[in-house]
Amino acid sequence: AWHTRPTPSHVRIDHGVVDIVVGQRQHRFDLHNERTEVEMSGKPGDGDWQVVFRRRSLAPVVVTGRMVDAEAFTEALRAWHPAL
C-alpha cells in the first residue's frame, strides 16, 4: 500500500506580494504589477474554490482551500484586485 503525504505549503501576502511555498518550490507574485494575472473560480468556502496565478511560459500556480482560509485570502486579494 502507498501512503501519500500532502505536500507542505505556505501562502502569505505581505505588502502586496503573494508568497507561495509548495514543497521545495517558492513562487512570488506582485499584486501591485498590473501584468500579474490572477483568476478565481468558485466561491470561498466551496470545495472547488481556487485562485490561479498565471505565468507566461510556465504552468500556473494554484492556491486552493486546503492551503489557505479561502474567505480571508480572497478578502486580502481584493484589496489589490477588487474584481475577484
C-alpha atoms as a PDB file:
ATOM      1  CA  ALA A   1       0.000   0.000   0.000  1.00  0.00           C
ATOM      2  CA  TRP A   2       1.136   3.502  -0.775  1.00  0.00           C
ATOM      3  CA  HIS A   3       0.948   6.308   1.692  1.00  0.00           C
ATOM      4  CA  THR A   4       0.862   9.760   0.215  1.00  0.00           C
ATOM      5  CA  ARG A   5       1.601  12.752   2.347  1.00  0.00           C
ATOM      6  CA  PRO A   6       0.224  16.130   1.481  1.00  0.00           C
ATOM      7  CA  THR A   7       2.890  18.458   0.176  1.00  0.00           C
ATOM      8  CA  PRO A   8       3.578  21.078   2.840  1.00  0.00           C
ATOM      9  CA  SER A   9       2.562  24.524   1.687  1.00  0.00           C
ATOM     10  CA  HIS A  10       2.681  28.081   2.948  1.00  0.00           C
ATOM     11  CA  VAL A  11       0.896  31.091   1.470  1.00  0.00           C
ATOM     12  CA  ARG A  12       1.041  34.679   2.657  1.00  0.00           C
ATOM     13  CA  ILE A  13       0.508  38.184   1.366  1.00  0.00           C
ATOM     14  CA  ASP A  14       2.965  40.808   2.569  1.00  0.00           C
ATOM     15  CA  HIS A  15       2.691  44.390   1.315  1.00  0.00           C
ATOM     16  CA  GLY A  16       1.028  43.263  -1.902  1.00  0.00           C
ATOM     17  CA  VAL A  17       3.386  40.395  -2.677  1.00  0.00           C
ATOM     18  CA  VAL A  18       1.936  36.878  -2.606  1.00  0.00           C
ATOM     19  CA  ASP A  19       4.498  34.354  -1.428  1.00  0.00           C
ATOM     20  CA  ILE A  20       3.577  30.725  -2.142  1.00  0.00           C
ATOM     21  CA  VAL A  21       5.770  27.850  -0.995  1.00  0.00           C
ATOM     22  CA  VAL A  22       4.776  24.342  -2.058  1.00  0.00           C
ATOM     23  CA  GLY A  23       7.270  21.699  -1.029  1.00  0.00           C
ATOM     24  CA  GLN A  24      10.675  22.941  -2.137  1.00  0.00           C
ATOM     25  CA  ARG A  25       9.312  25.448  -4.671  1.00  0.00           C
ATOM     26  CA  GLN A  26       8.721  29.110  -3.955  1.00  0.00           C
ATOM     27  CA  HIS A  27       6.672  31.469  -6.101  1.00  0.00           C
ATOM     28  CA  ARG A  28       6.164  35.215  -5.733  1.00  0.00           C
ATOM     29  CA  PHE A  29       3.537  37.374  -7.382  1.00  0.00           C
ATOM     30  CA  ASP A  30       3.470  41.159  -7.096  1.00  0.00           C
ATOM     31  CA  LEU A  31      -0.135  42.319  -6.853  1.00  0.00           C
ATOM     32  CA  HIS A  32       0.988  45.910  -7.495  1.00  0.00           C
ATOM     33  CA  ASN A  33       2.057  44.882 -11.002  1.00  0.00           C
ATOM     34  CA  GLU A  34      -0.881  45.223 -13.402  1.00  0.00           C
ATOM     35  CA  ARG A  35       0.542  42.368 -15.510  1.00  0.00           C
ATOM     36  CA  THR A  36       0.104  39.868 -12.680  1.00  0.00           C
ATOM     37  CA  GLU A  37      -2.737  37.632 -13.860  1.00  0.00           C
ATOM     38  CA  VAL A  38      -4.984  36.385 -11.063  1.00  0.00           C
ATOM     39  CA  GLU A  39      -8.195  34.407 -11.578  1.00  0.00           C
ATOM     40  CA  MET A  40     -10.589  32.970  -9.038  1.00  0.00           C
ATOM     41  CA  SER A  41     -13.064  30.171  -9.659  1.00  0.00           C
ATOM     42  CA  GLY A  42     -15.776  29.026  -7.309  1.00  0.00           C
ATOM     43  CA  LYS A  43     -16.797  30.815  -4.139  1.00  0.00           C
ATOM     44  CA  PRO A  44     -14.736  30.951  -0.955  1.00  0.00           C
ATOM     45  CA  GLY A  45     -15.767  28.034   1.226  1.00  0.00           C
ATOM     46  CA  ASP A  46     -16.841  25.848  -1.708  1.00  0.00           C
ATOM     47  CA  GLY A  47     -14.863  22.677  -2.391  1.00  0.00           C
ATOM     48  CA  ASP A  48     -13.997  23.801  -5.928  1.00  0.00           C
ATOM     49  CA  TRP A  49     -12.749  27.288  -4.938  1.00  0.00           C
ATOM     50  CA  GLN A  50      -9.275  28.167  -6.195  1.00  0.00           C
ATOM     51  CA  VAL A  51      -7.127  31.117  -7.152  1.00  0.00           C
ATOM     52  CA  VAL A  52      -4.902  30.732 -10.188  1.00  0.00           C
ATOM     53  CA  PHE A  53      -1.788  32.834 -10.751  1.00  0.00           C
ATOM     54  CA  ARG A  54      -0.941  32.664 -14.460  1.00  0.00           C
ATOM     55  CA  ARG A  55       2.656  32.665 -15.678  1.00  0.00           C
ATOM     56  CA  ARG A  56       3.632  33.304 -19.278  1.00  0.00           C
ATOM     57  CA  SER A  57       5.696  30.299 -20.274  1.00  0.00           C
ATOM     58  CA  LEU A  58       5.263  28.187 -17.137  1.00  0.00           C
ATOM     59  CA  ALA A  59       2.418  26.238 -15.603  1.00  0.00           C
ATOM     60  CA  PRO A  60       0.090  28.319 -13.436  1.00  0.00           C
ATOM     61  CA  VAL A  61       0.364  28.279  -9.645  1.00  0.00           C
ATOM     62  CA  VAL A  62      -2.887  27.310  -7.922  1.00  0.00           C
ATOM     63  CA  VAL A  63      -3.968  28.141  -4.377  1.00  0.00           C
ATOM     64  CA  THR A  64      -6.820  26.014  -3.004  1.00  0.00           C
ATOM     65  CA  GLY A  65      -8.911  25.969   0.128  1.00  0.00           C
ATOM     66  CA  ARG A  66      -6.661  23.231   1.505  1.00  0.00           C
ATOM     67  CA  MET A  67      -3.770  25.708   1.553  1.00  0.00           C
ATOM     68  CA  VAL A  68      -5.446  28.842   2.963  1.00  0.00           C
ATOM     69  CA  ASP A  69      -8.549  30.182   4.654  1.00  0.00           C
ATOM     70  CA  ALA A  70     -10.407  30.896   1.402  1.00  0.00           C
ATOM     71  CA  GLU A  71     -12.507  33.782   2.726  1.00  0.00           C
ATOM     72  CA  ALA A  72      -9.590  35.607   4.364  1.00  0.00           C
ATOM     73  CA  PHE A  73      -7.332  35.056   1.341  1.00  0.00           C
ATOM     74  CA  THR A  74      -9.997  36.312  -1.074  1.00  0.00           C
ATOM     75  CA  GLU A  75     -10.612  39.385   1.063  1.00  0.00           C
ATOM     76  CA  ALA A  76      -6.886  40.150   1.134  1.00  0.00           C
ATOM     77  CA  LEU A  77      -6.562  39.709  -2.656  1.00  0.00           C
ATOM     78  CA  ARG A  78      -9.497  42.023  -3.292  1.00  0.00           C
ATOM     79  CA  ALA A  79      -7.538  44.892  -1.759  1.00  0.00           C
ATOM     80  CA  TRP A  80      -5.465  44.817  -4.965  1.00  0.00           C
ATOM     81  CA  HIS A  81      -7.861  43.102  -7.390  1.00  0.00           C
ATOM     82  CA  PRO A  82     -11.389  44.217  -6.427  1.00  0.00           C
ATOM     83  CA  ALA A  83     -12.970  42.362  -9.367  1.00  0.00           C
ATOM     84  CA  LEU A  84     -12.158  38.936  -7.877  1.00  0.00           C
END
